[in-house]
Amino acid sequence: MVLQSSGLSKVKDSFTQKIFLGNEPNAELIAILTVYFVQGILGLSRLAVSFFLKDELLLSPVQVSALLGIVFLPWMIKPVFGFISDGLPIFGYRRRPYLILSGVLGTASWISLATIVHTSWAATLAIALGSLSVAMSDVIVDSLVVERARGESQAKAGSLQSLCWGASAIGGLITAYFSGLLLQYFTTRTVFGITALFPLIVSGAAWLIAESPVSKDTNESNQTNPLPIKYQLKQLRQAITQKTIWLPTAFVFIWQATPNAESAFFYFSTNELHFEPEFLGRVNLVTSFASLAGVWIFQRFLKSIPFRVIFAWSTVLSSMLGMTMLLLVTHTNRLLGIDDHWFSLGDSLILTVMGKIAFMQVMVLAARLCPSGVEATLFALLMSVFNSAGTVSQALGALLTYWLGITATNFESLWLLVIITNLSTLLPLPFINWLPAAEEQAETSKDGEQASYLI
């Protein structure tokens, strides 16, 4: 009996170490991982949204770019959700009710898209509501991860965030291919209806969060209370006025704000190259694996390389590789005997790996910039700057698409848009010195390691 108990204990320990990376698999951890998993699985509707806007609402590439910029706004104000959650408890609770609310909002947004949305304005509102739902749940679970990681060893803190990212990645991988396959057999509204089920899982998982009412916390110990919003704002103001913080942040904004041709290229892929939804799902699957490969390459070989070197080389290489899209938009690949489908798959794979390497470097930089005391809030603020730059990128891309006369059927100037957007990615290079030098990076890494669980 003792031997059997010992064997079960070893199996449990092995399961905890290998599957949960050393974190005790209690109910709250399962709830946190479930929220991240749902964030990944919501990618099921990504292609459906694009086809819905293009084929059913008949929006142009310019209009789609503008709409995507607007619906991304909730991600630009993520720190506000953190302040609200900390400062305005619902029925005495700071986390659980907001997670429940985010799930309900998400379901409402997808149900409305599946049923009553018939105009571009209604679609913008519904998609923005879904974006708000995910941004809110993201802030809440990030705060829970911060609370769990506080006081733990650096190894366990880092493993916790890796576990969370892995849950999201698994959700994304599961739905990457099915996002296109479902559209082969069902309408976009049916896909929206299926997607509406998943946010409810977040609302259900919220009940597993171990949380005591604020009033009870206050009576027992003031230590568990969050910092007052006024104090947090003061700490943030002191942090962001430091040159060592705002200069790298400004660089990342410039780097991310350069225009992109994503919407125009989607129309080219579907209307000109006639790529089917199932194939686009395959592309999503390949890029999902490529993202994982990019993370592995960064962690295995590149994480100790100075920021300036990584950003410089990744920017130059991405710009050069992005120019290969010219072969596709001018159909030169056909003259070379390369099928459109194979060329698109290979190009997407390589560009995704490069993009993920650069993105991981942003995560490391952001975590290391966060001083002690306001790590989570400042990290959320830095990510809001990053997301704001993405909105600017969409807007500039829409403006260029409009100026060049690119429409749902006219792609004569798409080659010029590809050149402009790829060359514009080189614009941040003159400001590369705004990033920490190698010796500064070594110093900040010691302090910044405490925030690396955010990566």
Protein backbone atom coordinates (compact mmCIF):
# COMPACT_ATOMS: atom_id res chain seq x y z
CA MET A 1 0.00 0.00 0.00
CA VAL A 2 2.87 2.30 0.87
CA LEU A 3 4.63 1.39 -2.36
CA GLN A 4 1.47 2.12 -4.36
CA SER A 5 1.09 5.51 -2.66
CA SER A 6 4.73 6.32 -3.34
CA GLY A 7 4.32 5.38 -7.01
CA LEU A 8 1.27 7.61 -7.39
CA SER A 9 3.16 10.45 -5.74
CA LYS A 10 6.01 10.09 -8.23
CA VAL A 11 3.60 10.04 -11.16
CA LYS A 12 1.90 13.17 -9.81
CA ASP A 13 5.25 14.95 -9.32
CA SER A 14 6.36 13.98 -12.83
CA PHE A 15 3.04 15.19 -14.27
CA THR A 16 3.36 18.48 -12.39
CA GLN A 17 6.92 19.04 -13.59
CA LYS A 18 6.42 18.09 -17.24
CA ILE A 19 2.91 19.33 -17.95
CA PHE A 20 2.55 22.24 -15.53
CA LEU A 21 6.28 23.16 -15.44
CA GLY A 22 6.47 22.75 -11.68
CA ASN A 23 3.33 24.74 -10.85
CA GLU A 24 0.78 23.09 -8.57
CA PRO A 25 -2.28 22.28 -10.77
CA ASN A 26 -4.95 23.69 -8.44
CA ALA A 27 -8.37 25.03 -9.46
CA GLU A 28 -7.21 28.64 -9.83
CA LEU A 29 -4.30 27.72 -12.10
CA ILE A 30 -6.69 25.68 -14.26
CA ALA A 31 -8.97 28.74 -14.47
CA ILE A 32 -6.09 31.01 -15.50
CA LEU A 33 -4.89 28.58 -18.16
CA THR A 34 -8.45 28.18 -19.42
CA VAL A 35 -8.76 31.93 -20.03
CA TYR A 36 -5.50 31.97 -21.99
CA PHE A 37 -6.61 28.88 -23.91
CA VAL A 38 -9.88 30.58 -24.88
CA GLN A 39 -7.93 33.64 -26.06
CA GLY A 40 -6.07 31.37 -28.45
CA ILE A 41 -9.10 29.41 -29.59
CA LEU A 42 -11.01 32.59 -30.50
CA GLY A 43 -8.78 32.64 -33.60
CA LEU A 44 -11.43 30.32 -35.02
CA SER A 45 -13.31 33.41 -36.22
CA ARG A 46 -10.36 35.36 -37.65
CA LEU A 47 -10.85 34.34 -41.28
CA ALA A 48 -14.63 34.43 -40.92
CA VAL A 49 -14.43 38.11 -39.91
CA SER A 50 -12.27 38.93 -42.92
CA PHE A 51 -14.59 37.17 -45.37
CA PHE A 52 -17.68 38.64 -43.69
CA LEU A 53 -16.36 42.19 -44.10
CA LYS A 54 -15.25 41.54 -47.69
CA ASP A 55 -18.04 39.42 -49.16
CA GLU A 56 -21.14 40.20 -47.10
CA LEU A 57 -20.66 43.83 -46.11
CA LEU A 58 -18.75 44.53 -49.36
CA LEU A 59 -16.14 46.71 -47.66
CA SER A 60 -13.04 47.83 -49.57
CA PRO A 61 -9.48 47.16 -48.40
CA VAL A 62 -9.27 50.77 -47.17
CA GLN A 63 -12.46 50.42 -45.13
CA VAL A 64 -11.33 47.11 -43.62
CA SER A 65 -7.99 48.62 -42.56
CA ALA A 66 -9.76 51.57 -40.93
CA LEU A 67 -12.24 49.27 -39.17
CA LEU A 68 -9.49 47.03 -37.81
CA GLY A 69 -7.72 50.09 -36.46
CA ILE A 70 -10.86 51.19 -34.60
CA VAL A 71 -11.72 47.81 -33.07
CA PHE A 72 -8.19 47.55 -31.68
CA LEU A 73 -8.80 50.56 -29.40
CA PRO A 74 -9.57 48.49 -26.25
CA TRP A 75 -6.04 47.09 -26.38
CA MET A 76 -4.69 50.64 -26.32
CA ILE A 77 -6.30 51.37 -22.94
CA LYS A 78 -5.51 48.13 -21.12
CA PRO A 79 -4.10 49.92 -18.03
CA VAL A 80 -7.52 51.55 -17.54
CA PHE A 81 -9.05 48.10 -17.05
CA GLY A 82 -6.39 47.36 -14.44
CA PHE A 83 -7.16 50.56 -12.56
CA ILE A 84 -10.90 49.88 -12.71
CA SER A 85 -10.50 46.30 -11.50
CA ASP A 86 -8.27 47.35 -8.60
CA GLY A 87 -10.22 50.44 -7.59
CA LEU A 88 -13.85 49.49 -8.27
CA PRO A 89 -14.65 46.04 -6.86
CA ILE A 90 -18.01 44.51 -7.82
CA PHE A 91 -19.83 43.07 -4.79
CA GLY A 92 -16.49 43.26 -2.99
CA TYR A 93 -14.51 41.27 -5.60
CA ARG A 94 -11.86 42.65 -7.96
CA ARG A 95 -11.22 39.75 -10.34
CA ARG A 96 -14.03 37.21 -10.56
CA PRO A 97 -16.92 39.56 -11.58
CA TYR A 98 -14.83 41.23 -14.29
CA LEU A 99 -13.92 37.85 -15.77
CA ILE A 100 -17.60 36.86 -15.77
CA LEU A 101 -18.50 40.19 -17.40
CA SER A 102 -15.81 39.80 -20.07
CA GLY A 103 -17.16 36.37 -21.01
CA VAL A 104 -20.73 37.67 -21.28
CA LEU A 105 -19.59 40.61 -23.43
CA GLY A 106 -17.66 38.28 -25.71
CA THR A 107 -20.60 35.98 -26.23
CA ALA A 108 -22.92 38.94 -26.87
CA SER A 109 -20.56 40.33 -29.52
CA TRP A 110 -20.32 37.04 -31.46
CA ILE A 111 -24.06 36.34 -31.22
CA SER A 112 -24.79 39.80 -32.62
CA LEU A 113 -22.41 39.15 -35.53
CA ALA A 114 -24.15 35.84 -36.14
CA THR A 115 -27.64 37.37 -36.18
CA ILE A 116 -28.36 41.10 -36.27
CA VAL A 117 -25.28 42.79 -37.75
CA HIS A 118 -25.88 43.96 -41.31
CA THR A 119 -23.98 47.26 -41.59
CA SER A 120 -20.35 48.31 -41.30
CA TRP A 121 -21.07 50.47 -38.24
CA ALA A 122 -22.83 47.62 -36.44
CA ALA A 123 -19.95 45.29 -37.35
CA THR A 124 -17.42 47.78 -35.99
CA LEU A 125 -19.32 48.01 -32.71
CA ALA A 126 -19.75 44.24 -32.38
CA ILE A 127 -16.12 43.41 -33.18
CA ALA A 128 -14.93 46.19 -30.85
CA LEU A 129 -17.07 44.67 -28.09
CA GLY A 130 -15.39 41.31 -28.66
CA SER A 131 -11.99 43.02 -28.58
CA LEU A 132 -12.97 44.72 -25.30
CA SER A 133 -13.95 41.34 -23.87
CA VAL A 134 -10.58 39.73 -24.63
CA ALA A 135 -8.57 42.80 -23.52
CA MET A 136 -10.43 42.90 -20.20
CA SER A 137 -9.95 39.19 -19.48
CA ASP A 138 -6.29 39.51 -20.49
CA VAL A 139 -5.69 42.26 -17.93
CA ILE A 140 -7.44 40.30 -15.19
CA VAL A 141 -5.55 37.04 -15.72
CA ASP A 142 -2.27 38.96 -16.10
CA SER A 143 -2.91 40.49 -12.68
CA LEU A 144 -3.61 37.03 -11.25
CA VAL A 145 -0.33 35.76 -12.70
CA VAL A 146 1.48 38.73 -11.15
CA GLU A 147 -0.10 37.99 -7.75
CA ARG A 148 0.83 34.30 -7.94
CA ALA A 149 4.38 35.03 -9.10
CA ARG A 150 5.04 37.66 -6.41
CA GLY A 151 7.29 36.14 -3.77
CA GLU A 152 8.06 33.03 -5.80
CA SER A 153 11.42 32.07 -7.24
CA GLN A 154 12.38 33.50 -10.62
CA ALA A 155 12.42 30.00 -12.14
CA LYS A 156 8.83 29.30 -11.10
CA ALA A 157 7.66 32.81 -12.07
CA GLY A 158 9.08 32.38 -15.55
CA SER A 159 7.61 28.91 -15.90
CA LEU A 160 4.17 30.20 -14.94
CA GLN A 161 4.08 32.73 -17.77
CA SER A 162 5.52 30.20 -20.20
CA LEU A 163 2.70 27.85 -19.20
CA CYS A 164 0.12 30.59 -19.82
CA TRP A 165 1.60 31.45 -23.21
CA GLY A 166 1.64 27.76 -24.08
CA ALA A 167 -2.07 27.43 -23.26
CA SER A 168 -2.86 30.30 -25.61
CA ALA A 169 -0.62 28.85 -28.31
CA ILE A 170 -2.33 25.44 -28.08
CA GLY A 171 -5.72 27.11 -28.48
CA GLY A 172 -4.43 28.97 -31.51
CA LEU A 173 -2.97 25.83 -33.06
CA ILE A 174 -6.20 23.89 -32.62
CA THR A 175 -8.26 26.50 -34.45
CA ALA A 176 -5.71 27.67 -37.04
CA TYR A 177 -6.67 25.14 -39.68
CA PHE A 178 -10.33 24.81 -38.70
CA SER A 179 -10.77 28.57 -39.12
CA GLY A 180 -10.54 28.00 -42.86
CA LEU A 181 -11.98 24.49 -43.07
CA LEU A 182 -15.29 25.49 -41.44
CA LEU A 183 -15.76 28.24 -44.02
CA GLN A 184 -15.65 25.61 -46.77
CA TYR A 185 -18.87 24.07 -45.45
CA PHE A 186 -20.59 26.72 -43.32
CA THR A 187 -21.42 30.41 -43.55
CA THR A 188 -19.48 33.07 -41.68
CA ARG A 189 -22.46 33.62 -39.38
CA THR A 190 -22.46 29.95 -38.41
CA VAL A 191 -18.77 30.24 -37.48
CA PHE A 192 -19.62 33.32 -35.39
CA GLY A 193 -22.32 31.33 -33.61
CA ILE A 194 -19.84 28.55 -32.80
CA THR A 195 -17.30 31.11 -31.58
CA ALA A 196 -19.91 32.64 -29.25
CA LEU A 197 -19.76 29.53 -27.07
CA PHE A 198 -16.14 29.96 -26.03
CA PRO A 199 -16.30 33.25 -24.04
CA LEU A 200 -18.85 31.56 -21.76
CA ILE A 201 -16.06 29.18 -20.73
CA VAL A 202 -14.23 32.23 -19.34
CA SER A 203 -17.31 33.17 -17.29
CA GLY A 204 -17.49 29.63 -15.95
CA ALA A 205 -13.77 29.46 -15.15
CA ALA A 206 -14.06 32.71 -13.16
CA TRP A 207 -15.82 30.83 -10.36
CA LEU A 208 -12.64 28.81 -9.78
CA ILE A 209 -10.67 31.94 -8.87
CA ALA A 210 -9.75 31.94 -5.18
CA GLU A 211 -10.63 35.45 -4.08
CA SER A 212 -11.71 36.99 -0.78
CA PRO A 213 -13.96 40.07 -0.59
CA VAL A 214 -12.17 43.40 -0.30
CA SER A 215 -13.81 44.19 3.05
CA LYS A 216 -12.51 40.94 4.50
CA ASP A 217 -9.03 41.63 3.16
CA THR A 218 -9.10 45.03 4.80
CA ASN A 219 -10.00 43.62 8.21
CA GLU A 220 -7.40 40.90 8.09
CA SER A 221 -4.43 42.65 6.58
CA ASN A 222 -3.77 45.84 4.75
CA GLN A 223 -0.97 44.05 2.93
CA THR A 224 -3.38 42.38 0.54
CA ASN A 225 -5.00 45.60 -0.58
CA PRO A 226 -3.88 47.07 -3.90
CA LEU A 227 -2.04 50.34 -4.04
CA PRO A 228 -4.36 53.37 -4.30
CA ILE A 229 -4.88 54.55 -7.86
CA LYS A 230 -3.46 58.00 -6.99
CA TYR A 231 -0.27 56.40 -5.71
CA GLN A 232 0.00 54.14 -8.74
CA LEU A 233 -0.37 57.14 -11.05
CA LYS A 234 2.37 58.96 -9.15
CA GLN A 235 4.68 55.97 -9.45
CA LEU A 236 3.89 55.65 -13.15
CA ARG A 237 4.57 59.34 -13.77
CA GLN A 238 7.94 59.05 -12.08
CA ALA A 239 8.76 55.98 -14.16
CA ILE A 240 7.74 57.22 -17.60
CA THR A 241 9.61 60.53 -17.19
CA GLN A 242 12.88 58.63 -16.96
CA LYS A 243 14.87 58.85 -20.17
CA THR A 244 15.89 55.20 -19.88
CA ILE A 245 12.22 54.24 -20.17
CA TRP A 246 10.59 56.67 -22.59
CA LEU A 247 13.35 56.61 -25.22
CA PRO A 248 13.16 52.81 -25.80
CA THR A 249 9.37 53.07 -25.68
CA ALA A 250 9.43 55.77 -28.36
CA PHE A 251 11.67 53.56 -30.51
CA VAL A 252 9.27 50.61 -30.22
CA PHE A 253 6.36 52.89 -31.16
CA ILE A 254 8.14 54.12 -34.31
CA TRP A 255 9.17 50.56 -35.16
CA GLN A 256 5.63 49.22 -34.85
CA ALA A 257 3.80 52.23 -36.39
CA THR A 258 5.13 51.83 -39.92
CA PRO A 259 2.34 51.14 -42.47
CA ASN A 260 1.34 47.62 -43.47
CA ALA A 261 -0.41 46.11 -46.48
CA GLU A 262 -2.22 43.30 -44.66
CA SER A 263 -5.79 44.14 -45.70
CA ALA A 264 -4.88 44.83 -49.33
CA PHE A 265 -2.96 41.57 -49.52
CA PHE A 266 -5.92 39.59 -48.14
CA TYR A 267 -8.09 40.92 -50.96
CA PHE A 268 -5.34 40.10 -53.47
CA SER A 269 -5.06 36.53 -52.11
CA THR A 270 -8.79 35.85 -52.30
CA ASN A 271 -9.95 37.92 -55.29
CA GLU A 272 -6.89 37.72 -57.56
CA LEU A 273 -5.18 34.47 -56.56
CA HIS A 274 -8.50 32.84 -55.58
CA PHE A 275 -7.14 31.21 -52.44
CA GLU A 276 -9.85 29.14 -50.76
CA PRO A 277 -10.66 29.50 -47.03
CA GLU A 278 -9.34 25.98 -46.39
CA PHE A 279 -5.94 26.92 -47.82
CA LEU A 280 -5.86 30.14 -45.80
CA GLY A 281 -6.53 27.97 -42.75
CA ARG A 282 -3.50 25.92 -43.73
CA VAL A 283 -1.47 29.12 -43.94
CA ASN A 284 -2.65 30.03 -40.44
CA LEU A 285 -1.56 26.60 -39.19
CA VAL A 286 1.89 26.99 -40.75
CA THR A 287 2.31 30.47 -39.31
CA SER A 288 1.23 29.23 -35.87
CA PHE A 289 3.98 26.61 -35.91
CA ALA A 290 6.36 29.24 -37.28
CA SER A 291 5.55 31.47 -34.30
CA LEU A 292 6.49 28.65 -31.94
CA ALA A 293 9.68 28.12 -33.92
CA GLY A 294 10.50 31.82 -33.63
CA VAL A 295 10.03 31.72 -29.86
CA TRP A 296 12.23 28.60 -29.59
CA ILE A 297 14.99 30.13 -31.74
CA PHE A 298 14.91 33.30 -29.65
CA GLN A 299 15.02 31.44 -26.32
CA ARG A 300 17.67 28.99 -27.51
CA PHE A 301 20.07 31.24 -29.39
CA LEU A 302 19.22 34.95 -29.27
CA LYS A 303 17.94 36.04 -25.85
CA SER A 304 21.40 37.09 -24.63
CA ILE A 305 22.21 39.16 -27.74
CA PRO A 306 22.00 42.98 -27.23
CA PHE A 307 18.73 44.68 -28.14
CA ARG A 308 20.32 46.93 -30.73
CA VAL A 309 21.85 44.01 -32.62
CA ILE A 310 18.61 41.97 -32.65
CA PHE A 311 16.44 44.89 -33.72
CA ALA A 312 18.86 46.05 -36.40
CA TRP A 313 19.32 42.64 -38.02
CA SER A 314 15.70 41.54 -37.68
CA THR A 315 14.51 44.83 -39.20
CA VAL A 316 16.87 44.64 -42.16
CA LEU A 317 16.24 40.95 -42.83
CA SER A 318 12.46 41.34 -42.51
CA SER A 319 12.50 44.23 -44.96
CA MET A 320 14.56 42.25 -47.46
CA LEU A 321 12.46 39.10 -47.11
CA GLY A 322 9.27 41.14 -47.34
CA MET A 323 10.34 42.29 -50.78
CA THR A 324 9.92 38.72 -52.01
CA MET A 325 6.17 39.45 -51.98
CA LEU A 326 6.85 41.39 -55.18
CA LEU A 327 7.37 38.06 -56.92
CA LEU A 328 3.86 37.03 -55.95
CA VAL A 329 2.00 40.28 -56.66
CA THR A 330 3.65 40.56 -60.10
CA HIS A 331 3.18 36.81 -60.76
CA THR A 332 6.92 36.44 -61.38
CA ASN A 333 6.88 33.30 -59.23
CA ARG A 334 4.86 31.59 -61.97
CA LEU A 335 7.61 32.34 -64.49
CA LEU A 336 10.02 30.70 -62.06
CA GLY A 337 7.80 27.64 -61.90
CA ILE A 338 6.71 28.21 -58.29
CA ASP A 339 3.01 27.73 -57.60
CA ASP A 340 1.20 30.61 -55.87
CA HIS A 341 0.16 28.37 -52.98
CA TRP A 342 3.64 27.02 -52.25
CA PHE A 343 5.21 30.45 -52.58
CA SER A 344 2.69 31.97 -50.16
CA LEU A 345 3.22 29.19 -47.61
CA GLY A 346 7.01 29.47 -47.66
CA ASP A 347 6.99 33.23 -47.52
CA SER A 348 4.53 33.33 -44.62
CA LEU A 349 6.62 30.81 -42.67
CA ILE A 350 9.89 32.74 -42.93
CA LEU A 351 8.37 36.17 -42.27
CA THR A 352 6.47 34.87 -39.24
CA VAL A 353 9.63 33.44 -37.68
CA MET A 354 11.41 36.77 -38.12
CA GLY A 355 8.44 38.70 -36.79
CA LYS A 356 8.13 36.53 -33.68
CA ILE A 357 11.84 36.89 -32.90
CA ALA A 358 11.48 40.67 -33.01
CA PHE A 359 8.27 40.55 -30.95
CA MET A 360 9.90 38.43 -28.23
CA GLN A 361 12.65 41.03 -28.04
CA VAL A 362 9.97 43.68 -27.43
CA MET A 363 8.57 41.56 -24.59
CA VAL A 364 11.99 41.24 -22.97
CA LEU A 365 12.68 44.95 -23.37
CA ALA A 366 9.30 45.93 -21.91
CA ALA A 367 9.72 43.65 -18.89
CA ARG A 368 13.22 44.94 -18.18
CA LEU A 369 12.12 48.55 -18.36
CA CYS A 370 9.58 48.05 -15.56
CA PRO A 371 10.86 49.30 -12.18
CA SER A 372 9.95 47.60 -8.92
CA GLY A 373 6.56 48.51 -7.49
CA VAL A 374 4.65 49.20 -10.70
CA GLU A 375 5.76 46.24 -12.82
CA ALA A 376 2.35 45.02 -13.94
CA THR A 377 0.81 48.45 -14.53
CA LEU A 378 3.78 49.87 -16.40
CA PHE A 379 4.07 46.69 -18.46
CA ALA A 380 0.41 47.07 -19.44
CA LEU A 381 1.07 50.72 -20.31
CA LEU A 382 4.05 49.80 -22.49
CA MET A 383 1.97 47.17 -24.25
CA SER A 384 -0.72 49.81 -24.81
CA VAL A 385 1.87 51.98 -26.54
CA PHE A 386 2.81 48.98 -28.66
CA ASN A 387 -0.84 48.34 -29.52
CA SER A 388 -1.44 52.03 -30.27
CA ALA A 389 1.40 51.88 -32.76
CA GLY A 390 -0.37 48.94 -34.40
CA THR A 391 -3.47 51.10 -34.85
CA VAL A 392 -1.36 53.84 -36.43
CA SER A 393 0.16 51.19 -38.71
CA GLN A 394 -3.32 50.12 -39.85
CA ALA A 395 -4.36 53.73 -40.45
CA LEU A 396 -1.25 54.55 -42.48
CA GLY A 397 -1.71 51.35 -44.48
CA ALA A 398 -5.31 52.33 -45.22
CA LEU A 399 -4.22 55.80 -46.31
CA LEU A 400 -1.56 54.45 -48.67
CA THR A 401 -4.00 51.89 -50.08
CA TYR A 402 -6.45 54.71 -50.80
CA TRP A 403 -3.84 56.99 -52.40
CA LEU A 404 -2.58 54.18 -54.65
CA GLY A 405 -6.11 53.38 -55.82
CA ILE A 406 -6.04 49.77 -54.65
CA THR A 407 -9.54 48.31 -54.41
CA ALA A 408 -11.14 44.90 -54.10
CA THR A 409 -10.47 44.28 -57.80
CA ASN A 410 -7.72 46.71 -58.80
CA PHE A 411 -4.24 45.56 -57.72
CA GLU A 412 -2.12 47.33 -60.33
CA SER A 413 -0.33 49.42 -57.69
CA LEU A 414 -0.03 46.69 -55.06
CA TRP A 415 3.62 46.19 -55.98
CA LEU A 416 4.29 49.82 -55.05
CA LEU A 417 2.47 49.40 -51.73
CA VAL A 418 4.66 46.36 -50.98
CA ILE A 419 7.82 48.38 -51.70
CA ILE A 420 6.72 51.37 -49.60
CA THR A 421 5.62 49.30 -46.59
CA ASN A 422 8.81 47.22 -46.60
CA LEU A 423 11.14 50.20 -46.99
CA SER A 424 9.27 52.04 -44.23
CA THR A 425 10.25 49.31 -41.77
CA LEU A 426 13.81 50.65 -42.04
CA LEU A 427 12.77 54.10 -40.74
CA PRO A 428 13.41 53.30 -37.03
CA LEU A 429 17.06 52.34 -37.65
CA PRO A 430 18.42 55.92 -37.25
CA PHE A 431 16.96 55.84 -33.71
CA ILE A 432 18.52 52.49 -32.75
CA ASN A 433 20.66 54.23 -30.11
CA TRP A 434 17.50 54.93 -28.12
CA LEU A 435 17.63 51.29 -27.08
CA PRO A 436 19.83 50.29 -24.12
CA ALA A 437 23.44 49.58 -25.01
CA ALA A 438 24.90 46.16 -24.23
CA GLU A 439 26.33 47.24 -20.86
CA GLU A 440 23.08 49.01 -19.89
CA GLN A 441 21.12 45.93 -20.90
CA ALA A 442 23.27 43.77 -18.63
CA GLU A 443 22.52 46.07 -15.69
CA THR A 444 18.79 46.32 -16.32
CA SER A 445 18.48 42.59 -16.83
CA LYS A 446 19.32 41.99 -13.17
CA ASP A 447 16.48 44.20 -12.01
CA GLY A 448 14.26 43.31 -14.90
CA GLU A 449 14.39 39.57 -14.28
CA GLN A 450 11.80 40.01 -11.56
CA ALA A 451 9.36 41.10 -14.25
CA SER A 452 10.28 38.44 -16.79
CA TYR A 453 7.28 36.36 -15.76
CA LEU A 454 5.35 38.86 -17.87
CA ILE A 455 7.04 37.66 -21.03
